[in-house]
Amino acid sequence: MRYVAAYLLAALGGKTPSAADLEKILSSVGIEAETERMNKIISELKGKDLNELIEEGSKKLASVPSGGGAAAAAPAAGGGAAAAPAEEKKEEKKEESEESDDDMGFGLFD
């Protein structure tokens, strides 16, 4: 992914990116560039319209389930019932931490 990102950054300059361009970008963020991967990216993307590739990729990503759909729907379906136990747990944790401070045998103003 980092090689694709470097290619896209180099392409923003308005010219066809070269291996030297990719290596310069990657080394600027401390990544040692692998010649094989750079050459593969350059050959795969050479002569292609990057805007079209991004649009096609976005369509493919939109069809991929990203998880969390059921979890996000549960609170909406249950109303505030799911949120109430979470608030109670937070309050319990606060009380526990206050109690642990009392067990030390001295207070801030003693």
PDB file of N, CA and C in Angstrom:
ATOM      1  N   MET A   1       0.824  -1.189   0.000  1.00  0.00           N
ATOM      2  CA  MET A   1       0.000   0.000   0.000  1.00  0.00           C
ATOM      3  C   MET A   1       0.872   1.258   0.000  1.00  0.00           C
ATOM      4  N   ARG A   2       1.997   1.190   0.701  1.00  0.00           N
ATOM      5  CA  ARG A   2       2.854   2.376   0.769  1.00  0.00           C
ATOM      6  C   ARG A   2       3.436   2.723  -0.589  1.00  0.00           C
ATOM      7  N   TYR A   3       3.644   1.720  -1.428  1.00  0.00           N
ATOM      8  CA  TYR A   3       4.189   1.973  -2.757  1.00  0.00           C
ATOM      9  C   TYR A   3       3.137   2.637  -3.649  1.00  0.00           C
ATOM     10  N   VAL A   4       1.902   2.209  -3.492  1.00  0.00           N
ATOM     11  CA  VAL A   4       0.811   2.822  -4.258  1.00  0.00           C
ATOM     12  C   VAL A   4       0.646   4.272  -3.814  1.00  0.00           C
ATOM     13  N   ALA A   5       0.693   4.510  -2.502  1.00  0.00           N
ATOM     14  CA  ALA A   5       0.562   5.868  -1.988  1.00  0.00           C
ATOM     15  C   ALA A   5       1.701   6.750  -2.496  1.00  0.00           C
ATOM     16  N   ALA A   6       2.908   6.215  -2.506  1.00  0.00           N
ATOM     17  CA  ALA A   6       4.052   6.979  -3.015  1.00  0.00           C
ATOM     18  C   ALA A   6       3.877   7.276  -4.506  1.00  0.00           C
ATOM     19  N   TYR A   7       3.350   6.301  -5.244  1.00  0.00           N
ATOM     20  CA  TYR A   7       3.115   6.500  -6.676  1.00  0.00           C
ATOM     21  C   TYR A   7       2.097   7.626  -6.888  1.00  0.00           C
ATOM     22  N   LEU A   8       1.023   7.593  -6.104  1.00  0.00           N
ATOM     23  CA  LEU A   8       0.000   8.626  -6.237  1.00  0.00           C
ATOM     24  C   LEU A   8       0.544  10.000  -5.869  1.00  0.00           C
ATOM     25  N   LEU A   9       1.359  10.072  -4.834  1.00  0.00           N
ATOM     26  CA  LEU A   9       1.969  11.352  -4.464  1.00  0.00           C
ATOM     27  C   LEU A   9       2.870  11.862  -5.574  1.00  0.00           C
ATOM     28  N   ALA A  10       3.652  10.974  -6.151  1.00  0.00           N
ATOM     29  CA  ALA A  10       4.538  11.375  -7.245  1.00  0.00           C
ATOM     30  C   ALA A  10       3.724  11.806  -8.460  1.00  0.00           C
ATOM     31  N   ALA A  11       2.611  11.146  -8.708  1.00  0.00           N
ATOM     32  CA  ALA A  11       1.768  11.480  -9.855  1.00  0.00           C
ATOM     33  C   ALA A  11       1.116  12.854  -9.695  1.00  0.00           C
ATOM     34  N   LEU A  12       0.932  13.291  -8.459  1.00  0.00           N
ATOM     35  CA  LEU A  12       0.379  14.627  -8.226  1.00  0.00           C
ATOM     36  C   LEU A  12       1.282  15.711  -8.796  1.00  0.00           C
ATOM     37  N   GLY A  13       2.541  15.398  -8.975  1.00  0.00           N
ATOM     38  CA  GLY A  13       3.501  16.338  -9.551  1.00  0.00           C
ATOM     39  C   GLY A  13       3.282  16.572 -11.035  1.00  0.00           C
ATOM     40  N   GLY A  14       2.437  15.773 -11.658  1.00  0.00           N
ATOM     41  CA  GLY A  14       2.095  15.991 -13.053  1.00  0.00           C
ATOM     42  C   GLY A  14       2.916  15.191 -14.050  1.00  0.00           C
ATOM     43  N   LYS A  15       3.784  14.314 -13.577  1.00  0.00           N
ATOM     44  CA  LYS A  15       4.558  13.495 -14.511  1.00  0.00           C
ATOM     45  C   LYS A  15       4.399  12.035 -14.143  1.00  0.00           C
ATOM     46  N   THR A  16       4.850  11.172 -15.038  1.00  0.00           N
ATOM     47  CA  THR A  16       4.796   9.744 -14.758  1.00  0.00           C
ATOM     48  C   THR A  16       5.891   9.415 -13.751  1.00  0.00           C
ATOM     49  N   PRO A  17       5.515   8.858 -12.600  1.00  0.00           N
ATOM     50  CA  PRO A  17       6.494   8.572 -11.555  1.00  0.00           C
ATOM     51  C   PRO A  17       7.518   7.518 -11.978  1.00  0.00           C
ATOM     52  N   SER A  18       8.735   7.704 -11.529  1.00  0.00           N
ATOM     53  CA  SER A  18       9.807   6.745 -11.789  1.00  0.00           C
ATOM     54  C   SER A  18      10.180   6.064 -10.471  1.00  0.00           C
ATOM     55  N   ALA A  19      11.007   5.055 -10.554  1.00  0.00           N
ATOM     56  CA  ALA A  19      11.461   4.350  -9.358  1.00  0.00           C
ATOM     57  C   ALA A  19      12.214   5.307  -8.438  1.00  0.00           C
ATOM     58  N   ALA A  20      12.965   6.229  -9.022  1.00  0.00           N
ATOM     59  CA  ALA A  20      13.706   7.211  -8.220  1.00  0.00           C
ATOM     60  C   ALA A  20      12.747   8.113  -7.447  1.00  0.00           C
ATOM     61  N   ASP A  21      11.641   8.494  -8.095  1.00  0.00           N
ATOM     62  CA  ASP A  21      10.637   9.321  -7.415  1.00  0.00           C
ATOM     63  C   ASP A  21      10.044   8.588  -6.219  1.00  0.00           C
ATOM     64  N   LEU A  22       9.686   7.323  -6.440  1.00  0.00           N
ATOM     65  CA  LEU A  22       9.097   6.532  -5.356  1.00  0.00           C
ATOM     66  C   LEU A  22      10.095   6.341  -4.217  1.00  0.00           C
ATOM     67  N   GLU A  23      11.337   6.056  -4.583  1.00  0.00           N
ATOM     68  CA  GLU A  23      12.366   5.839  -3.569  1.00  0.00           C
ATOM     69  C   GLU A  23      12.585   7.106  -2.740  1.00  0.00           C
ATOM     70  N   LYS A  24      12.565   8.250  -3.386  1.00  0.00           N
ATOM     71  CA  LYS A  24      12.760   9.524  -2.685  1.00  0.00           C
ATOM     72  C   LYS A  24      11.620   9.774  -1.699  1.00  0.00           C
ATOM     73  N   ILE A  25      10.396   9.511  -2.130  1.00  0.00           N
ATOM     74  CA  ILE A  25       9.233   9.721  -1.260  1.00  0.00           C
ATOM     75  C   ILE A  25       9.270   8.762  -0.074  1.00  0.00           C
ATOM     76  N   LEU A  26       9.522   7.499  -0.351  1.00  0.00           N
ATOM     77  CA  LEU A  26       9.540   6.498   0.722  1.00  0.00           C
ATOM     78  C   LEU A  26      10.683   6.740   1.705  1.00  0.00           C
ATOM     79  N   SER A  27      11.843   7.111   1.206  1.00  0.00           N
ATOM     80  CA  SER A  27      12.978   7.343   2.107  1.00  0.00           C
ATOM     81  C   SER A  27      12.757   8.588   2.966  1.00  0.00           C
ATOM     82  N   SER A  28      11.946   9.519   2.495  1.00  0.00           N
ATOM     83  CA  SER A  28      11.684  10.730   3.280  1.00  0.00           C
ATOM     84  C   SER A  28      10.898  10.437   4.552  1.00  0.00           C
ATOM     85  N   VAL A  29      10.226   9.289   4.589  1.00  0.00           N
ATOM     86  CA  VAL A  29       9.489   8.896   5.796  1.00  0.00           C
ATOM     87  C   VAL A  29      10.114   7.674   6.460  1.00  0.00           C
ATOM     88  N   GLY A  30      11.362   7.392   6.097  1.00  0.00           N
ATOM     89  CA  GLY A  30      12.107   6.336   6.763  1.00  0.00           C
ATOM     90  C   GLY A  30      11.815   4.920   6.306  1.00  0.00           C
ATOM     91  N   ILE A  31      11.309   4.757   5.099  1.00  0.00           N
ATOM     92  CA  ILE A  31      11.006   3.423   4.575  1.00  0.00           C
ATOM     93  C   ILE A  31      12.054   3.056   3.535  1.00  0.00           C
ATOM     94  N   GLU A  32      12.648   1.891   3.703  1.00  0.00           N
ATOM     95  CA  GLU A  32      13.613   1.406   2.733  1.00  0.00           C
ATOM     96  C   GLU A  32      12.839   0.794   1.563  1.00  0.00           C
ATOM     97  N   ALA A  33      13.013   1.357   0.398  1.00  0.00           N
ATOM     98  CA  ALA A  33      12.254   0.936  -0.781  1.00  0.00           C
ATOM     99  C   ALA A  33      12.801  -0.366  -1.347  1.00  0.00           C
ATOM    100  N   GLU A  34      11.884  -1.249  -1.749  1.00  0.00           N
ATOM    101  CA  GLU A  34      12.245  -2.509  -2.402  1.00  0.00           C
ATOM    102  C   GLU A  34      12.051  -2.338  -3.906  1.00  0.00           C
ATOM    103  N   THR A  35      13.108  -2.557  -4.649  1.00  0.00           N
ATOM    104  CA  THR A  35      13.102  -2.330  -6.091  1.00  0.00           C
ATOM    105  C   THR A  35      12.034  -3.157  -6.794  1.00  0.00           C
ATOM    106  N   GLU A  36      11.878  -4.419  -6.399  1.00  0.00           N
ATOM    107  CA  GLU A  36      10.883  -5.288  -7.046  1.00  0.00           C
ATOM    108  C   GLU A  36       9.484  -4.710  -6.920  1.00  0.00           C
ATOM    109  N   ARG A  37       9.131  -4.290  -5.721  1.00  0.00           N
ATOM    110  CA  ARG A  37       7.778  -3.757  -5.496  1.00  0.00           C
ATOM    111  C   ARG A  37       7.567  -2.452  -6.240  1.00  0.00           C
ATOM    112  N   MET A  38       8.569  -1.588  -6.233  1.00  0.00           N
ATOM    113  CA  MET A  38       8.433  -0.325  -6.963  1.00  0.00           C
ATOM    114  C   MET A  38       8.232  -0.578  -8.444  1.00  0.00           C
ATOM    115  N   ASN A  39       9.032  -1.475  -8.998  1.00  0.00           N
ATOM    116  CA  ASN A  39       8.921  -1.769 -10.430  1.00  0.00           C
ATOM    117  C   ASN A  39       7.566  -2.387 -10.765  1.00  0.00           C
ATOM    118  N   LYS A  40       7.053  -3.228  -9.878  1.00  0.00           N
ATOM    119  CA  LYS A  40       5.745  -3.839 -10.120  1.00  0.00           C
ATOM    120  C   LYS A  40       4.642  -2.777 -10.137  1.00  0.00           C
ATOM    121  N   ILE A  41       4.662  -1.881  -9.170  1.00  0.00           N
ATOM    122  CA  ILE A  41       3.657  -0.816  -9.117  1.00  0.00           C
ATOM    123  C   ILE A  41       3.743   0.062 -10.352  1.00  0.00           C
ATOM    124  N   ILE A  42       4.950   0.432 -10.716  1.00  0.00           N
ATOM    125  CA  ILE A  42       5.137   1.295 -11.888  1.00  0.00           C
ATOM    126  C   ILE A  42       4.628   0.608 -13.143  1.00  0.00           C
ATOM    127  N   SER A  43       4.936  -0.672 -13.313  1.00  0.00           N
ATOM    128  CA  SER A  43       4.494  -1.378 -14.525  1.00  0.00           C
ATOM    129  C   SER A  43       2.985  -1.595 -14.527  1.00  0.00           C
ATOM    130  N   GLU A  44       2.394  -1.860 -13.363  1.00  0.00           N
ATOM    131  CA  GLU A  44       0.947  -2.088 -13.285  1.00  0.00           C
ATOM    132  C   GLU A  44       0.147  -0.810 -13.552  1.00  0.00           C
ATOM    133  N   LEU A  45       0.677   0.329 -13.123  1.00  0.00           N
ATOM    134  CA  LEU A  45      -0.076   1.576 -13.249  1.00  0.00           C
ATOM    135  C   LEU A  45       0.315   2.417 -14.452  1.00  0.00           C
ATOM    136  N   LYS A  46       1.345   2.002 -15.166  1.00  0.00           N
ATOM    137  CA  LYS A  46       1.833   2.767 -16.309  1.00  0.00           C
ATOM    138  C   LYS A  46       0.740   2.891 -17.382  1.00  0.00           C
ATOM    139  N   GLY A  47       0.483   4.124 -17.791  1.00  0.00           N
ATOM    140  CA  GLY A  47      -0.473   4.397 -18.860  1.00  0.00           C
ATOM    141  C   GLY A  47      -1.932   4.358 -18.441  1.00  0.00           C
ATOM    142  N   LYS A  48      -2.212   4.148 -17.171  1.00  0.00           N
ATOM    143  CA  LYS A  48      -3.602   4.100 -16.719  1.00  0.00           C
ATOM    144  C   LYS A  48      -3.995   5.433 -16.099  1.00  0.00           C
ATOM    145  N   ASP A  49      -5.283   5.760 -16.253  1.00  0.00           N
ATOM    146  CA  ASP A  49      -5.810   6.988 -15.665  1.00  0.00           C
ATOM    147  C   ASP A  49      -6.073   6.744 -14.176  1.00  0.00           C
ATOM    148  N   LEU A  50      -5.353   7.454 -13.341  1.00  0.00           N
ATOM    149  CA  LEU A  50      -5.448   7.227 -11.901  1.00  0.00           C
ATOM    150  C   LEU A  50      -6.829   7.570 -11.336  1.00  0.00           C
ATOM    151  N   ASN A  51      -7.460   8.590 -11.891  1.00  0.00           N
ATOM    152  CA  ASN A  51      -8.806   8.949 -11.419  1.00  0.00           C
ATOM    153  C   ASN A  51      -9.802   7.819 -11.668  1.00  0.00           C
ATOM    154  N   GLU A  52      -9.704   7.177 -12.830  1.00  0.00           N
ATOM    155  CA  GLU A  52     -10.582   6.048 -13.130  1.00  0.00           C
ATOM    156  C   GLU A  52     -10.289   4.870 -12.199  1.00  0.00           C
ATOM    157  N   LEU A  53      -9.019   4.614 -11.932  1.00  0.00           N
ATOM    158  CA  LEU A  53      -8.654   3.518 -11.028  1.00  0.00           C
ATOM    159  C   LEU A  53      -9.190   3.758  -9.619  1.00  0.00           C
ATOM    160  N   ILE A  54      -9.100   4.986  -9.154  1.00  0.00           N
ATOM    161  CA  ILE A  54      -9.605   5.320  -7.820  1.00  0.00           C
ATOM    162  C   ILE A  54     -11.119   5.153  -7.775  1.00  0.00           C
ATOM    163  N   GLU A  55     -11.792   5.582  -8.831  1.00  0.00           N
ATOM    164  CA  GLU A  55     -13.252   5.451  -8.884  1.00  0.00           C
ATOM    165  C   GLU A  55     -13.675   3.976  -8.893  1.00  0.00           C
ATOM    166  N   GLU A  56     -12.994   3.157  -9.670  1.00  0.00           N
ATOM    167  CA  GLU A  56     -13.291   1.722  -9.710  1.00  0.00           C
ATOM    168  C   GLU A  56     -13.034   1.086  -8.351  1.00  0.00           C
ATOM    169  N   GLY A  57     -11.935   1.462  -7.716  1.00  0.00           N
ATOM    170  CA  GLY A  57     -11.602   0.926  -6.399  1.00  0.00           C
ATOM    171  C   GLY A  57     -12.622   1.323  -5.346  1.00  0.00           C
ATOM    172  N   SER A  58     -13.122   2.548  -5.440  1.00  0.00           N
ATOM    173  CA  SER A  58     -14.142   3.009  -4.490  1.00  0.00           C
ATOM    174  C   SER A  58     -15.418   2.202  -4.619  1.00  0.00           C
ATOM    175  N   LYS A  59     -15.792   1.868  -5.848  1.00  0.00           N
ATOM    176  CA  LYS A  59     -16.985   1.049  -6.074  1.00  0.00           C
ATOM    177  C   LYS A  59     -16.804  -0.340  -5.476  1.00  0.00           C
ATOM    178  N   LYS A  60     -15.618  -0.900  -5.643  1.00  0.00           N
ATOM    179  CA  LYS A  60     -15.351  -2.230  -5.091  1.00  0.00           C
ATOM    180  C   LYS A  60     -15.361  -2.194  -3.563  1.00  0.00           C
ATOM    181  N   LEU A  61     -14.786  -1.159  -2.976  1.00  0.00           N
ATOM    182  CA  LEU A  61     -14.764  -1.050  -1.517  1.00  0.00           C
ATOM    183  C   LEU A  61     -16.156  -0.855  -0.941  1.00  0.00           C
ATOM    184  N   ALA A  62     -17.024  -0.190  -1.683  1.00  0.00           N
ATOM    185  CA  ALA A  62     -18.379   0.036  -1.201  1.00  0.00           C
ATOM    186  C   ALA A  62     -19.151  -1.266  -1.052  1.00  0.00           C
ATOM    187  N   SER A  63     -18.797  -2.285  -1.833  1.00  0.00           N
ATOM    188  CA  SER A  63     -19.509  -3.554  -1.772  1.00  0.00           C
ATOM    189  C   SER A  63     -18.945  -4.502  -0.719  1.00  0.00           C
ATOM    190  N   VAL A  64     -17.808  -4.140  -0.109  1.00  0.00           N
ATOM    191  CA  VAL A  64     -17.178  -4.992   0.894  1.00  0.00           C
ATOM    192  C   VAL A  64     -17.797  -4.710   2.261  1.00  0.00           C
ATOM    193  N   PRO A  65     -18.284  -5.752   2.954  1.00  0.00           N
ATOM    194  CA  PRO A  65     -18.822  -5.507   4.296  1.00  0.00           C
ATOM    195  C   PRO A  65     -17.689  -5.093   5.235  1.00  0.00           C
ATOM    196  N   SER A  66     -17.926  -4.040   5.994  1.00  0.00           N
ATOM    197  CA  SER A  66     -16.867  -3.519   6.852  1.00  0.00           C
ATOM    198  C   SER A  66     -17.084  -3.866   8.310  1.00  0.00           C
ATOM    199  N   GLY A  67     -18.126  -4.624   8.599  1.00  0.00           N
ATOM    200  CA  GLY A  67     -18.391  -5.000   9.991  1.00  0.00           C
ATOM    201  C   GLY A  67     -18.969  -3.835  10.752  1.00  0.00           C
ATOM    202  N   GLY A  68     -19.443  -4.107  11.920  1.00  0.00           N
ATOM    203  CA  GLY A  68     -19.997  -3.050  12.744  1.00  0.00           C
ATOM    204  C   GLY A  68     -21.423  -2.684  12.397  1.00  0.00           C
ATOM    205  N   GLY A  69     -21.947  -3.191  11.296  1.00  0.00           N
ATOM    206  CA  GLY A  69     -23.307  -2.858  10.902  1.00  0.00           C
ATOM    207  C   GLY A  69     -24.314  -3.349  11.918  1.00  0.00           C
ATOM    208  N   ALA A  70     -24.150  -4.570  12.406  1.00  0.00           N
ATOM    209  CA  ALA A  70     -25.076  -5.121  13.393  1.00  0.00           C
ATOM    210  C   ALA A  70     -24.925  -4.413  14.726  1.00  0.00           C
ATOM    211  N   ALA A  71     -23.703  -4.109  15.097  1.00  0.00           N
ATOM    212  CA  ALA A  71     -23.469  -3.427  16.371  1.00  0.00           C
ATOM    213  C   ALA A  71     -24.007  -2.005  16.325  1.00  0.00           C
ATOM    214  N   ALA A  72     -23.894  -1.358  15.191  1.00  0.00           N
ATOM    215  CA  ALA A  72     -24.393   0.005  15.066  1.00  0.00           C
ATOM    216  C   ALA A  72     -25.914   0.016  15.043  1.00  0.00           C
ATOM    217  N   ALA A  73     -26.514  -1.032  14.502  1.00  0.00           N
ATOM    218  CA  ALA A  73     -27.971  -1.089  14.418  1.00  0.00           C
ATOM    219  C   ALA A  73     -28.598  -1.440  15.757  1.00  0.00           C
ATOM    220  N   ALA A  74     -27.906  -2.174  16.598  1.00  0.00           N
ATOM    221  CA  ALA A  74     -28.474  -2.615  17.876  1.00  0.00           C
ATOM    222  C   ALA A  74     -28.860  -1.459  18.788  1.00  0.00           C
ATOM    223  N   PRO A  75     -28.008  -0.460  19.022  1.00  0.00           N
ATOM    224  CA  PRO A  75     -28.423   0.639  19.874  1.00  0.00           C
ATOM    225  C   PRO A  75     -29.573   1.437  19.265  1.00  0.00           C
ATOM    226  N   ALA A  76     -29.589   1.539  17.949  1.00  0.00           N
ATOM    227  CA  ALA A  76     -30.660   2.279  17.306  1.00  0.00           C
ATOM    228  C   ALA A  76     -31.981   1.552  17.489  1.00  0.00           C
ATOM    229  N   ALA A  77     -31.957   0.231  17.405  1.00  0.00           N
ATOM    230  CA  ALA A  77     -33.184  -0.544  17.534  1.00  0.00           C
ATOM    231  C   ALA A  77     -33.644  -0.592  18.991  1.00  0.00           C
ATOM    232  N   GLY A  78     -32.715  -0.664  19.918  1.00  0.00           N
ATOM    233  CA  GLY A  78     -33.064  -0.801  21.328  1.00  0.00           C
ATOM    234  C   GLY A  78     -33.283   0.524  22.024  1.00  0.00           C
ATOM    235  N   GLY A  79     -33.110   1.606  21.340  1.00  0.00           N
ATOM    236  CA  GLY A  79     -33.272   2.902  21.965  1.00  0.00           C
ATOM    237  C   GLY A  79     -32.132   3.179  22.916  1.00  0.00           C
ATOM    238  N   GLY A  80     -32.445   3.710  24.090  1.00  0.00           N
ATOM    239  CA  GLY A  80     -31.419   4.052  25.061  1.00  0.00           C
ATOM    240  C   GLY A  80     -31.116   2.919  26.012  1.00  0.00           C
ATOM    241  N   ALA A  81     -31.772   1.784  25.871  1.00  0.00           N
ATOM    242  CA  ALA A  81     -31.588   0.679  26.808  1.00  0.00           C
ATOM    243  C   ALA A  81     -30.155   0.167  26.809  1.00  0.00           C
ATOM    244  N   ALA A  82     -29.509   0.160  25.664  1.00  0.00           N
ATOM    245  CA  ALA A  82     -28.144  -0.349  25.598  1.00  0.00           C
ATOM    246  C   ALA A  82     -27.153   0.635  26.203  1.00  0.00           C
ATOM    247  N   ALA A  83     -27.471   1.909  26.182  1.00  0.00           N
ATOM    248  CA  ALA A  83     -26.551   2.916  26.698  1.00  0.00           C
ATOM    249  C   ALA A  83     -26.561   2.962  28.221  1.00  0.00           C
ATOM    250  N   ALA A  84     -27.669   2.634  28.848  1.00  0.00           N
ATOM    251  CA  ALA A  84     -27.774   2.732  30.304  1.00  0.00           C
ATOM    252  C   ALA A  84     -26.791   1.819  31.036  1.00  0.00           C
ATOM    253  N   PRO A  85     -26.648   0.537  30.682  1.00  0.00           N
ATOM    254  CA  PRO A  85     -25.681  -0.293  31.395  1.00  0.00           C
ATOM    255  C   PRO A  85     -24.250   0.215  31.261  1.00  0.00           C
ATOM    256  N   ALA A  86     -23.925   0.781  30.128  1.00  0.00           N
ATOM    257  CA  ALA A  86     -22.572   1.290  29.932  1.00  0.00           C
ATOM    258  C   ALA A  86     -22.299   2.440  30.892  1.00  0.00           C
ATOM    259  N   GLU A  87     -23.293   3.299  31.094  1.00  0.00           N
ATOM    260  CA  GLU A  87     -23.117   4.415  32.016  1.00  0.00           C
ATOM    261  C   GLU A  87     -22.962   3.913  33.445  1.00  0.00           C
ATOM    262  N   GLU A  88     -23.713   2.883  33.811  1.00  0.00           N
ATOM    263  CA  GLU A  88     -23.619   2.329  35.146  1.00  0.00           C
ATOM    264  C   GLU A  88     -22.234   1.763  35.402  1.00  0.00           C
ATOM    265  N   LYS A  89     -21.657   1.101  34.407  1.00  0.00           N
ATOM    266  CA  LYS A  89     -20.326   0.524  34.551  1.00  0.00           C
ATOM    267  C   LYS A  89     -19.294   1.618  34.783  1.00  0.00           C
ATOM    268  N   LYS A  90     -19.415   2.731  34.061  1.00  0.00           N
ATOM    269  CA  LYS A  90     -18.476   3.828  34.243  1.00  0.00           C
ATOM    270  C   LYS A  90     -18.555   4.371  35.662  1.00  0.00           C
ATOM    271  N   GLU A  91     -19.776   4.505  36.184  1.00  0.00           N
ATOM    272  CA  GLU A  91     -19.946   5.021  37.534  1.00  0.00           C
ATOM    273  C   GLU A  91     -19.352   4.063  38.554  1.00  0.00           C
ATOM    274  N   GLU A  92     -19.523   2.756  38.328  1.00  0.00           N
ATOM    275  CA  GLU A  92     -18.963   1.770  39.241  1.00  0.00           C
ATOM    276  C   GLU A  92     -17.445   1.864  39.274  1.00  0.00           C
ATOM    277  N   LYS A  93     -16.828   2.084  38.146  1.00  0.00           N
ATOM    278  CA  LYS A  93     -15.377   2.190  38.091  1.00  0.00           C
ATOM    279  C   LYS A  93     -14.904   3.406  38.869  1.00  0.00           C
ATOM    280  N   LYS A  94     -15.629   4.506  38.770  1.00  0.00           N
ATOM    281  CA  LYS A  94     -15.258   5.699  39.516  1.00  0.00           C
ATOM    282  C   LYS A  94     -15.302   5.425  41.009  1.00  0.00           C
ATOM    283  N   GLU A  95     -16.364   4.773  41.456  1.00  0.00           N
ATOM    284  CA  GLU A  95     -16.511   4.484  42.878  1.00  0.00           C
ATOM    285  C   GLU A  95     -15.377   3.596  43.359  1.00  0.00           C
ATOM    286  N   GLU A  96     -14.990   2.615  42.570  1.00  0.00           N
ATOM    287  CA  GLU A  96     -13.912   1.720  42.949  1.00  0.00           C
ATOM    288  C   GLU A  96     -12.604   2.490  43.116  1.00  0.00           C
ATOM    289  N   SER A  97     -12.334   3.420  42.198  1.00  0.00           N
ATOM    290  CA  SER A  97     -11.082   4.161  42.287  1.00  0.00           C
ATOM    291  C   SER A  97     -11.086   5.078  43.504  1.00  0.00           C
ATOM    292  N   GLU A  98     -12.228   5.647  43.842  1.00  0.00           N
ATOM    293  CA  GLU A  98     -12.315   6.480  45.031  1.00  0.00           C
ATOM    294  C   GLU A  98     -12.110   5.641  46.283  1.00  0.00           C
ATOM    295  N   GLU A  99     -12.679   4.448  46.312  1.00  0.00           N
ATOM    296  CA  GLU A  99     -12.519   3.573  47.463  1.00  0.00           C
ATOM    297  C   GLU A  99     -11.064   3.165  47.635  1.00  0.00           C
ATOM    298  N   SER A 100     -10.375   2.912  46.556  1.00  0.00           N
ATOM    299  CA  SER A 100      -8.983   2.498  46.656  1.00  0.00           C
ATOM    300  C   SER A 100      -8.127   3.625  47.220  1.00  0.00           C
ATOM    301  N   ASP A 101      -8.500   4.875  46.945  1.00  0.00           N
ATOM    302  CA  ASP A 101      -7.772   5.999  47.519  1.00  0.00           C
ATOM    303  C   ASP A 101      -7.985   6.068  49.030  1.00  0.00           C
ATOM    304  N   ASP A 102      -9.210   5.751  49.480  1.00  0.00           N
ATOM    305  CA  ASP A 102      -9.515   5.792  50.904  1.00  0.00           C
ATOM    306  C   ASP A 102      -8.748   4.723  51.663  1.00  0.00           C
ATOM    307  N   ASP A 103      -8.443   3.625  51.031  1.00  0.00           N
ATOM    308  CA  ASP A 103      -7.756   2.519  51.694  1.00  0.00           C
ATOM    309  C   ASP A 103      -6.302   2.820  52.014  1.00  0.00           C
ATOM    310  N   MET A 104      -5.761   3.864  51.464  1.00  0.00           N
ATOM    311  CA  MET A 104      -4.342   4.142  51.679  1.00  0.00           C
ATOM    312  C   MET A 104      -4.069   4.696  53.080  1.00  0.00           C
ATOM    313  N   GLY A 105      -5.089   5.166  53.780  1.00  0.00           N
ATOM    314  CA  GLY A 105      -4.901   5.592  55.147  1.00  0.00           C
ATOM    315  C   GLY A 105      -4.585   7.052  55.321  1.00  0.00           C
ATOM    316  N   PHE A 106      -4.484   7.797  54.247  1.00  0.00           N
ATOM    317  CA  PHE A 106      -4.279   9.230  54.406  1.00  0.00           C
ATOM    318  C   PHE A 106      -4.964   9.946  53.245  1.00  0.00           C
ATOM    319  N   GLY A 107      -5.283  11.198  53.459  1.00  0.00           N
ATOM    320  CA  GLY A 107      -5.976  11.979  52.448  1.00  0.00           C
ATOM    321  C   GLY A 107      -5.098  13.122  52.000  1.00  0.00           C
ATOM    322  N   LEU A 108      -5.571  13.848  51.064  1.00  0.00           N
ATOM    323  CA  LEU A 108      -4.823  14.951  50.498  1.00  0.00           C
ATOM    324  C   LEU A 108      -4.636  16.070  51.493  1.00  0.00           C
ATOM    325  N   PHE A 109      -5.653  16.313  52.338  1.00  0.00           N
ATOM    326  CA  PHE A 109      -5.608  17.437  53.260  1.00  0.00           C
ATOM    327  C   PHE A 109      -5.358  17.012  54.707  1.00  0.00           C
ATOM    328  N   ASP A 110      -4.945  15.791  54.956  1.00  0.00           N
ATOM    329  CA  ASP A 110      -4.687  15.333  56.336  1.00  0.00           C
ATOM    330  C   ASP A 110      -3.314  15.742  56.790  1.00  0.00           C
TER     331      ASP A 110
END
